[in-house]
Every structure is written in structure tokens, then in C-alpha cells.
């Protein structure tokens, strides 16, 4: 993973927010489980991105497992544009803000629903999706508040 040249708290970041980054309009939570026991609830609707990693100075979501990288992954809220099917050329696009996951070139990977994701590519996270970082047994379950 290429460094961005952007510094935060004296540390060179591996990622920068894309042009379509946006604060979420819906409330998202992450329930953190280990061995079917809930350890924590994280509210992730208060900013447009969350850095996951072992580097305490900059990580929004701190992971302490030794198999996780200092800058392991990022959860990035982005604008998603969809068009209604069979609505014709005059159809108005629908814009929502959804969470995406990107591995930042970690050694031991990031997993979405038990599948290792490619590094440096955003992958949309859906309601009830499960994310794991490195070889940690903790599971991060994403839940979107319905309104």
C-alpha cells in the first residue's frame, strides 16, 4: 500500500478520503463479539471515516491483536448513486451514504463475511455483515438503524 503523503498526529497515513466521502445519514453500529460474547458497541455515524489499527495515536477503532497492522483497514462512508430499474432516461438518481471497507495492505488481511478482501479496493459493507481483522477471533457485526 502506497503512503498518501498526508500526516496526522506526526504519522504518515496509508490512505486519504476519496472525493465521494460523506458523513452517514443513517446511524450505524458495530457490535464487537469474541466467542459469542459481546465485548463492545461502537457507534460509527459521527464521522465519515474510521481508521482501524494498532497505532493508538491515530486509530479510531483500536485493535490490539499482534497479527493486526498499525494501519490495518479503513471504514469509509461514501455516496452511492443508484438508478431505478426500467425507469427510463428521465429517472432521478437515488443517493445514499453507505459504509465501505478497504484493507490498507495489512500482512494478515481483512475479512468480510469470512472472505479475505483485496487490498486497496473499497468493498461495500451491508447490514449484518461480519468483519474480522488479521488472525484475531473478534468479530465486528455491522448493524444499520432503520428509520
N, C-alpha and C. Protein backbone atom coordinates (compact mmCIF):
# COMPACT_ATOMS: atom_id res chain seq x y z
N UNK A 1 0.85 -1.18 0.00
CA UNK A 1 0.00 0.00 0.00
C UNK A 1 0.89 1.23 0.00
N UNK A 2 0.63 2.12 -0.89
CA UNK A 2 1.40 3.35 -1.03
C UNK A 2 0.96 4.36 0.02
N UNK A 3 1.92 5.05 0.60
CA UNK A 3 1.61 6.11 1.57
C UNK A 3 1.02 7.30 0.82
N UNK A 4 0.20 8.09 1.52
CA UNK A 4 -0.50 9.20 0.86
C UNK A 4 0.28 10.50 0.86
N UNK A 5 1.23 10.63 1.76
CA UNK A 5 1.90 11.91 1.94
C UNK A 5 1.18 12.78 2.96
N UNK A 6 0.00 12.34 3.41
CA UNK A 6 -0.76 13.08 4.41
C UNK A 6 -0.31 12.66 5.81
N UNK A 7 -0.06 13.64 6.65
CA UNK A 7 0.36 13.38 8.02
C UNK A 7 -0.81 13.64 8.97
N UNK A 8 -0.90 12.81 10.01
CA UNK A 8 -1.89 13.00 11.06
C UNK A 8 -1.22 12.65 12.38
N UNK A 9 -1.16 13.61 13.28
CA UNK A 9 -0.50 13.44 14.58
C UNK A 9 0.93 12.93 14.42
N UNK A 10 1.61 13.42 13.38
CA UNK A 10 3.00 13.07 13.15
C UNK A 10 3.23 11.72 12.48
N UNK A 11 2.16 11.09 12.01
CA UNK A 11 2.26 9.77 11.37
C UNK A 11 1.78 9.86 9.93
N UNK A 12 2.55 9.28 9.02
CA UNK A 12 2.21 9.27 7.60
C UNK A 12 1.09 8.25 7.36
N UNK A 13 -0.01 8.72 6.81
CA UNK A 13 -1.18 7.85 6.59
C UNK A 13 -1.04 7.03 5.31
N UNK A 14 -1.65 5.84 5.32
CA UNK A 14 -1.66 4.96 4.15
C UNK A 14 -2.87 5.20 3.26
N UNK A 15 -3.73 6.12 3.65
CA UNK A 15 -4.97 6.33 2.92
C UNK A 15 -5.42 7.77 3.08
N UNK A 16 -6.18 8.24 2.11
CA UNK A 16 -6.82 9.55 2.23
C UNK A 16 -8.27 9.39 1.76
N UNK A 17 -9.12 10.26 2.25
CA UNK A 17 -10.54 10.14 1.92
C UNK A 17 -10.78 10.43 0.44
N UNK A 18 -11.65 9.64 -0.20
CA UNK A 18 -11.97 9.88 -1.61
C UNK A 18 -12.91 11.08 -1.77
N UNK A 19 -13.05 11.59 -3.00
CA UNK A 19 -13.92 12.76 -3.23
C UNK A 19 -15.39 12.53 -2.84
N UNK A 20 -15.84 11.28 -2.89
CA UNK A 20 -17.24 11.00 -2.56
C UNK A 20 -17.45 10.64 -1.08
N UNK A 21 -16.46 10.92 -0.24
CA UNK A 21 -16.61 10.69 1.20
C UNK A 21 -17.71 11.59 1.75
N UNK A 22 -18.48 11.05 2.69
CA UNK A 22 -19.61 11.82 3.22
C UNK A 22 -19.97 11.30 4.61
N UNK A 23 -20.47 12.18 5.43
CA UNK A 23 -20.98 11.76 6.74
C UNK A 23 -22.24 10.92 6.51
N UNK A 24 -22.39 9.83 7.25
CA UNK A 24 -23.60 9.00 7.06
C UNK A 24 -24.86 9.70 7.55
N UNK A 25 -25.95 9.44 6.85
CA UNK A 25 -27.25 10.00 7.26
C UNK A 25 -27.97 9.03 8.20
N UNK A 26 -27.70 7.75 8.06
CA UNK A 26 -28.28 6.73 8.94
C UNK A 26 -27.28 6.41 10.05
N UNK A 27 -27.79 5.93 11.13
CA UNK A 27 -26.93 5.54 12.25
C UNK A 27 -26.49 4.09 12.07
N UNK A 28 -25.20 3.90 12.13
CA UNK A 28 -24.61 2.56 12.05
C UNK A 28 -23.94 2.25 13.38
N UNK A 29 -23.99 0.97 13.74
CA UNK A 29 -23.30 0.49 14.93
C UNK A 29 -22.50 -0.75 14.54
N UNK A 30 -21.44 -0.98 15.31
CA UNK A 30 -20.69 -2.23 15.18
C UNK A 30 -20.76 -2.91 16.54
N UNK A 31 -21.21 -4.14 16.54
CA UNK A 31 -21.19 -4.96 17.75
C UNK A 31 -19.96 -5.84 17.69
N UNK A 32 -19.11 -5.75 18.71
CA UNK A 32 -17.86 -6.50 18.75
C UNK A 32 -18.07 -7.75 19.60
N UNK A 33 -17.84 -8.91 18.98
CA UNK A 33 -18.02 -10.20 19.65
C UNK A 33 -16.71 -10.96 19.73
N UNK A 34 -16.57 -11.75 20.79
CA UNK A 34 -15.50 -12.73 20.89
C UNK A 34 -16.11 -13.96 21.55
N UNK A 35 -16.04 -15.09 20.85
CA UNK A 35 -16.63 -16.34 21.36
C UNK A 35 -18.09 -16.17 21.76
N UNK A 36 -18.88 -15.55 20.90
CA UNK A 36 -20.32 -15.33 21.10
C UNK A 36 -20.64 -14.40 22.27
N UNK A 37 -19.65 -13.74 22.84
CA UNK A 37 -19.88 -12.79 23.92
C UNK A 37 -19.67 -11.38 23.37
N UNK A 38 -20.63 -10.50 23.64
CA UNK A 38 -20.50 -9.12 23.16
C UNK A 38 -19.52 -8.37 24.06
N UNK A 39 -18.52 -7.74 23.44
CA UNK A 39 -17.50 -7.01 24.18
C UNK A 39 -17.72 -5.51 24.15
N UNK A 40 -18.27 -5.01 23.05
CA UNK A 40 -18.38 -3.56 22.89
C UNK A 40 -19.41 -3.22 21.81
N UNK A 41 -19.91 -2.00 21.87
CA UNK A 41 -20.77 -1.45 20.82
C UNK A 41 -20.14 -0.14 20.37
N UNK A 42 -19.84 -0.05 19.08
CA UNK A 42 -19.22 1.14 18.51
C UNK A 42 -20.24 1.88 17.66
N UNK A 43 -20.38 3.16 17.89
CA UNK A 43 -21.30 3.99 17.09
C UNK A 43 -20.46 4.65 16.00
N UNK A 44 -20.75 4.32 14.75
CA UNK A 44 -19.89 4.79 13.66
C UNK A 44 -20.64 5.70 12.68
N UNK A 45 -21.41 6.62 13.23
CA UNK A 45 -22.12 7.55 12.36
C UNK A 45 -21.71 9.00 12.62
N UNK A 46 -20.67 9.19 13.39
CA UNK A 46 -20.29 10.54 13.81
C UNK A 46 -19.18 11.17 12.97
N UNK A 47 -18.60 10.40 12.07
CA UNK A 47 -17.57 10.93 11.16
C UNK A 47 -17.62 10.13 9.86
N UNK A 48 -16.91 10.60 8.84
CA UNK A 48 -17.02 9.96 7.52
C UNK A 48 -16.08 8.77 7.34
N UNK A 49 -15.08 8.62 8.22
CA UNK A 49 -14.14 7.51 8.09
C UNK A 49 -13.62 7.10 9.45
N UNK A 50 -13.27 5.81 9.56
CA UNK A 50 -12.73 5.25 10.79
C UNK A 50 -11.52 4.40 10.43
N UNK A 51 -10.37 4.77 10.95
CA UNK A 51 -9.14 4.02 10.73
C UNK A 51 -9.07 2.91 11.77
N UNK A 52 -8.83 1.68 11.31
CA UNK A 52 -8.72 0.52 12.18
C UNK A 52 -7.25 0.12 12.24
N UNK A 53 -6.73 -0.07 13.44
CA UNK A 53 -5.33 -0.49 13.54
C UNK A 53 -4.81 -0.52 14.96
N UNK A 54 -3.52 -0.86 15.08
CA UNK A 54 -2.86 -0.96 16.38
C UNK A 54 -2.19 0.34 16.82
N UNK A 55 -2.09 1.33 15.94
CA UNK A 55 -1.41 2.59 16.27
C UNK A 55 -2.35 3.47 17.10
N UNK A 56 -2.12 3.49 18.41
CA UNK A 56 -3.02 4.20 19.33
C UNK A 56 -3.19 5.68 19.01
N UNK A 57 -2.14 6.32 18.51
CA UNK A 57 -2.20 7.76 18.25
C UNK A 57 -3.22 8.12 17.18
N UNK A 58 -3.47 7.22 16.23
CA UNK A 58 -4.31 7.60 15.09
C UNK A 58 -5.52 6.69 14.85
N UNK A 59 -5.55 5.52 15.46
CA UNK A 59 -6.64 4.57 15.20
C UNK A 59 -7.94 5.05 15.83
N UNK A 60 -9.00 5.07 15.03
CA UNK A 60 -10.34 5.36 15.56
C UNK A 60 -10.92 4.11 16.21
N UNK A 61 -10.60 2.96 15.62
CA UNK A 61 -11.00 1.67 16.18
C UNK A 61 -9.71 0.91 16.45
N UNK A 62 -9.36 0.83 17.73
CA UNK A 62 -8.10 0.22 18.13
C UNK A 62 -8.24 -1.30 18.18
N UNK A 63 -7.34 -1.98 17.48
CA UNK A 63 -7.27 -3.44 17.55
C UNK A 63 -5.90 -3.79 18.13
N UNK A 64 -5.88 -4.65 19.11
CA UNK A 64 -4.63 -4.91 19.83
C UNK A 64 -4.00 -6.25 19.48
N UNK A 65 -4.64 -7.04 18.65
CA UNK A 65 -4.10 -8.36 18.31
C UNK A 65 -2.77 -8.18 17.56
N UNK A 66 -1.74 -8.97 17.90
CA UNK A 66 -0.43 -8.80 17.25
C UNK A 66 -0.43 -9.09 15.75
N UNK A 67 -1.43 -9.78 15.23
CA UNK A 67 -1.50 -10.07 13.79
C UNK A 67 -2.07 -8.89 12.99
N UNK A 68 -2.53 -7.86 13.69
CA UNK A 68 -3.09 -6.69 13.02
C UNK A 68 -2.01 -5.63 12.81
N UNK A 69 -2.12 -4.91 11.72
CA UNK A 69 -1.15 -3.87 11.37
C UNK A 69 -1.47 -2.56 12.09
N UNK A 70 -0.47 -1.67 12.13
CA UNK A 70 -0.68 -0.37 12.77
C UNK A 70 -1.78 0.42 12.07
N UNK A 71 -1.79 0.39 10.74
CA UNK A 71 -2.87 0.95 9.93
C UNK A 71 -3.40 -0.23 9.12
N UNK A 72 -4.37 -0.92 9.65
CA UNK A 72 -4.81 -2.19 9.09
C UNK A 72 -5.86 -2.03 7.99
N UNK A 73 -6.90 -1.24 8.28
CA UNK A 73 -8.02 -1.09 7.34
C UNK A 73 -8.72 0.22 7.63
N UNK A 74 -9.62 0.58 6.74
CA UNK A 74 -10.43 1.78 6.95
C UNK A 74 -11.88 1.47 6.63
N UNK A 75 -12.77 2.04 7.43
CA UNK A 75 -14.21 2.01 7.16
C UNK A 75 -14.53 3.41 6.68
N UNK A 76 -14.97 3.51 5.44
CA UNK A 76 -15.17 4.81 4.79
C UNK A 76 -16.63 4.95 4.34
N UNK A 77 -17.31 5.98 4.78
CA UNK A 77 -18.66 6.25 4.28
C UNK A 77 -18.53 7.03 2.98
N UNK A 78 -19.28 6.55 1.96
CA UNK A 78 -19.21 7.15 0.63
C UNK A 78 -20.62 7.29 0.05
N UNK A 79 -20.77 8.25 -0.85
CA UNK A 79 -22.05 8.43 -1.54
C UNK A 79 -22.18 7.34 -2.59
N UNK A 80 -23.34 6.68 -2.57
CA UNK A 80 -23.64 5.64 -3.56
C UNK A 80 -24.83 6.13 -4.38
N UNK A 81 -24.68 6.13 -5.70
CA UNK A 81 -25.75 6.58 -6.59
C UNK A 81 -26.34 5.38 -7.32
N UNK A 82 -27.65 5.23 -7.23
CA UNK A 82 -28.34 4.15 -7.94
C UNK A 82 -29.47 4.76 -8.76
N UNK A 83 -29.86 4.04 -9.80
CA UNK A 83 -30.96 4.47 -10.67
C UNK A 83 -32.05 3.41 -10.64
N UNK A 84 -33.32 3.83 -10.60
CA UNK A 84 -34.41 2.84 -10.59
C UNK A 84 -34.40 2.02 -11.88
N UNK A 85 -34.66 0.73 -11.74
CA UNK A 85 -34.71 -0.14 -12.92
C UNK A 85 -35.93 0.19 -13.78
N UNK A 86 -35.76 0.10 -15.08
CA UNK A 86 -36.85 0.30 -16.04
C UNK A 86 -37.56 1.65 -15.89
N UNK A 87 -36.85 2.68 -15.44
CA UNK A 87 -37.49 3.98 -15.23
C UNK A 87 -37.22 4.95 -16.37
N UNK A 88 -36.37 4.57 -17.30
CA UNK A 88 -36.11 5.44 -18.45
C UNK A 88 -35.03 6.47 -18.18
N UNK A 89 -34.77 7.27 -19.20
CA UNK A 89 -33.68 8.23 -19.16
C UNK A 89 -33.94 9.40 -18.21
N UNK A 90 -35.22 9.65 -17.90
CA UNK A 90 -35.54 10.79 -17.04
C UNK A 90 -35.59 10.43 -15.55
N UNK A 91 -35.24 9.22 -15.23
CA UNK A 91 -35.30 8.77 -13.84
C UNK A 91 -34.32 9.56 -12.97
N UNK A 92 -34.78 9.92 -11.80
CA UNK A 92 -33.91 10.63 -10.86
C UNK A 92 -33.05 9.62 -10.12
N UNK A 93 -31.78 9.93 -10.00
CA UNK A 93 -30.91 9.02 -9.25
C UNK A 93 -31.20 9.09 -7.75
N UNK A 94 -30.97 7.98 -7.08
CA UNK A 94 -31.13 7.94 -5.63
C UNK A 94 -29.72 7.91 -5.03
N UNK A 95 -29.47 8.81 -4.10
CA UNK A 95 -28.16 8.87 -3.47
C UNK A 95 -28.29 8.50 -1.99
N UNK A 96 -27.47 7.55 -1.59
CA UNK A 96 -27.41 7.15 -0.19
C UNK A 96 -25.95 7.19 0.24
N UNK A 97 -25.73 7.18 1.52
CA UNK A 97 -24.37 7.13 2.06
C UNK A 97 -24.22 5.77 2.73
N UNK A 98 -23.26 4.99 2.25
CA UNK A 98 -23.07 3.62 2.72
C UNK A 98 -21.62 3.42 3.20
N UNK A 99 -21.42 2.48 4.12
CA UNK A 99 -20.05 2.19 4.57
C UNK A 99 -19.34 1.24 3.61
N UNK A 100 -18.06 1.49 3.43
CA UNK A 100 -17.20 0.64 2.61
C UNK A 100 -15.97 0.27 3.44
N UNK A 101 -15.39 -0.84 3.13
CA UNK A 101 -14.23 -1.36 3.83
C UNK A 101 -13.07 -1.47 2.87
N UNK A 102 -11.87 -1.05 3.31
CA UNK A 102 -10.68 -1.21 2.49
C UNK A 102 -9.53 -1.67 3.39
N UNK A 103 -8.86 -2.74 2.96
CA UNK A 103 -7.65 -3.21 3.62
C UNK A 103 -6.50 -2.31 3.17
N UNK A 104 -5.66 -1.90 4.11
CA UNK A 104 -4.58 -0.97 3.81
C UNK A 104 -3.24 -1.68 3.62
N UNK A 105 -3.28 -2.85 2.99
CA UNK A 105 -2.04 -3.59 2.73
C UNK A 105 -1.55 -4.34 3.94
N UNK A 106 -2.47 -4.75 4.80
CA UNK A 106 -2.09 -5.48 6.01
C UNK A 106 -1.48 -6.83 5.64
N UNK A 107 -0.61 -7.31 6.51
CA UNK A 107 0.06 -8.60 6.28
C UNK A 107 -0.92 -9.77 6.39
N UNK A 108 -1.81 -9.71 7.38
CA UNK A 108 -2.68 -10.85 7.68
C UNK A 108 -4.12 -10.68 7.22
N UNK A 109 -4.40 -9.62 6.49
CA UNK A 109 -5.68 -9.49 5.80
C UNK A 109 -6.84 -8.97 6.62
N UNK A 110 -7.87 -8.60 5.88
CA UNK A 110 -9.16 -8.17 6.40
C UNK A 110 -10.20 -9.06 5.76
N UNK A 111 -11.17 -9.50 6.55
CA UNK A 111 -12.14 -10.48 6.09
C UNK A 111 -13.56 -9.93 6.21
N UNK A 112 -14.32 -10.06 5.14
CA UNK A 112 -15.72 -9.65 5.11
C UNK A 112 -16.54 -10.91 4.86
N UNK A 113 -17.34 -11.27 5.85
CA UNK A 113 -18.15 -12.49 5.78
C UNK A 113 -17.29 -13.71 5.42
N UNK A 114 -16.18 -13.85 6.12
CA UNK A 114 -15.24 -14.97 6.05
C UNK A 114 -14.40 -15.03 4.77
N UNK A 115 -14.48 -14.01 3.94
CA UNK A 115 -13.67 -13.97 2.71
C UNK A 115 -12.66 -12.84 2.82
N UNK A 116 -11.41 -13.18 2.52
CA UNK A 116 -10.36 -12.15 2.56
C UNK A 116 -10.60 -11.17 1.42
N UNK A 117 -10.55 -9.88 1.74
CA UNK A 117 -10.78 -8.87 0.70
C UNK A 117 -9.44 -8.44 0.10
N UNK A 118 -9.50 -7.97 -1.13
CA UNK A 118 -8.30 -7.44 -1.80
C UNK A 118 -7.90 -6.14 -1.12
N UNK A 119 -6.60 -5.88 -1.11
CA UNK A 119 -6.15 -4.61 -0.54
C UNK A 119 -6.35 -3.47 -1.52
N UNK A 120 -6.46 -2.29 -0.98
CA UNK A 120 -6.57 -1.05 -1.76
C UNK A 120 -7.82 -0.95 -2.62
N UNK A 121 -8.86 -1.73 -2.32
CA UNK A 121 -10.12 -1.64 -3.06
C UNK A 121 -11.26 -1.53 -2.05
N UNK A 122 -12.14 -0.57 -2.27
CA UNK A 122 -13.30 -0.43 -1.40
C UNK A 122 -14.33 -1.51 -1.72
N UNK A 123 -14.89 -2.08 -0.66
CA UNK A 123 -15.95 -3.08 -0.78
C UNK A 123 -17.09 -2.63 0.13
N UNK A 124 -18.30 -2.59 -0.41
CA UNK A 124 -19.44 -2.12 0.38
C UNK A 124 -19.75 -3.08 1.51
N UNK A 125 -20.06 -2.51 2.67
CA UNK A 125 -20.48 -3.29 3.84
C UNK A 125 -21.99 -3.19 3.94
N UNK A 126 -22.65 -4.32 4.11
CA UNK A 126 -24.10 -4.35 4.25
C UNK A 126 -24.54 -4.57 5.68
N UNK A 127 -25.81 -4.38 5.92
CA UNK A 127 -26.40 -4.63 7.22
C UNK A 127 -26.18 -6.09 7.61
N UNK A 128 -25.72 -6.33 8.82
CA UNK A 128 -25.45 -7.64 9.41
C UNK A 128 -24.20 -8.32 8.86
N UNK A 129 -23.39 -7.60 8.08
CA UNK A 129 -22.12 -8.16 7.61
C UNK A 129 -21.16 -8.30 8.79
N UNK A 130 -20.25 -9.28 8.68
CA UNK A 130 -19.28 -9.57 9.73
C UNK A 130 -17.88 -9.33 9.19
N UNK A 131 -17.09 -8.55 9.93
CA UNK A 131 -15.72 -8.22 9.54
C UNK A 131 -14.76 -8.74 10.60
N UNK A 132 -13.62 -9.27 10.14
CA UNK A 132 -12.55 -9.70 11.05
C UNK A 132 -11.25 -9.10 10.53
N UNK A 133 -10.33 -8.82 11.46
CA UNK A 133 -9.05 -8.21 11.13
C UNK A 133 -7.93 -9.16 11.52
N UNK A 134 -7.05 -9.49 10.56
CA UNK A 134 -5.93 -10.36 10.82
C UNK A 134 -6.38 -11.72 11.34
N UNK A 135 -5.64 -12.23 12.30
CA UNK A 135 -5.95 -13.54 12.88
C UNK A 135 -6.73 -13.42 14.18
N UNK A 136 -7.19 -12.23 14.49
CA UNK A 136 -7.98 -12.01 15.70
C UNK A 136 -9.30 -12.79 15.60
N UNK A 137 -9.76 -13.29 16.73
CA UNK A 137 -11.03 -14.02 16.75
C UNK A 137 -12.22 -13.09 16.98
N UNK A 138 -11.95 -11.81 17.18
CA UNK A 138 -13.05 -10.86 17.36
C UNK A 138 -13.80 -10.67 16.05
N UNK A 139 -15.12 -10.61 16.16
CA UNK A 139 -15.98 -10.37 15.00
C UNK A 139 -16.69 -9.04 15.19
N UNK A 140 -16.72 -8.26 14.12
CA UNK A 140 -17.33 -6.93 14.12
C UNK A 140 -18.58 -7.01 13.24
N UNK A 141 -19.75 -6.96 13.87
CA UNK A 141 -21.02 -7.10 13.16
C UNK A 141 -21.62 -5.71 12.95
N UNK A 142 -21.86 -5.36 11.68
CA UNK A 142 -22.39 -4.06 11.30
C UNK A 142 -23.92 -4.08 11.28
N UNK A 143 -24.51 -3.11 11.96
CA UNK A 143 -25.97 -3.01 12.02
C UNK A 143 -26.37 -1.57 11.66
N UNK A 144 -27.30 -1.46 10.71
CA UNK A 144 -27.81 -0.15 10.30
C UNK A 144 -29.16 0.08 10.96
N UNK A 145 -29.31 1.24 11.55
CA UNK A 145 -30.58 1.61 12.17
C UNK A 145 -31.59 1.91 11.07
N UNK A 146 -32.70 1.26 11.11
CA UNK A 146 -33.76 1.51 10.12
C UNK A 146 -34.66 2.61 10.63
N UNK A 147 -35.11 3.48 9.71
CA UNK A 147 -36.00 4.57 10.15
C UNK A 147 -37.27 4.54 9.35
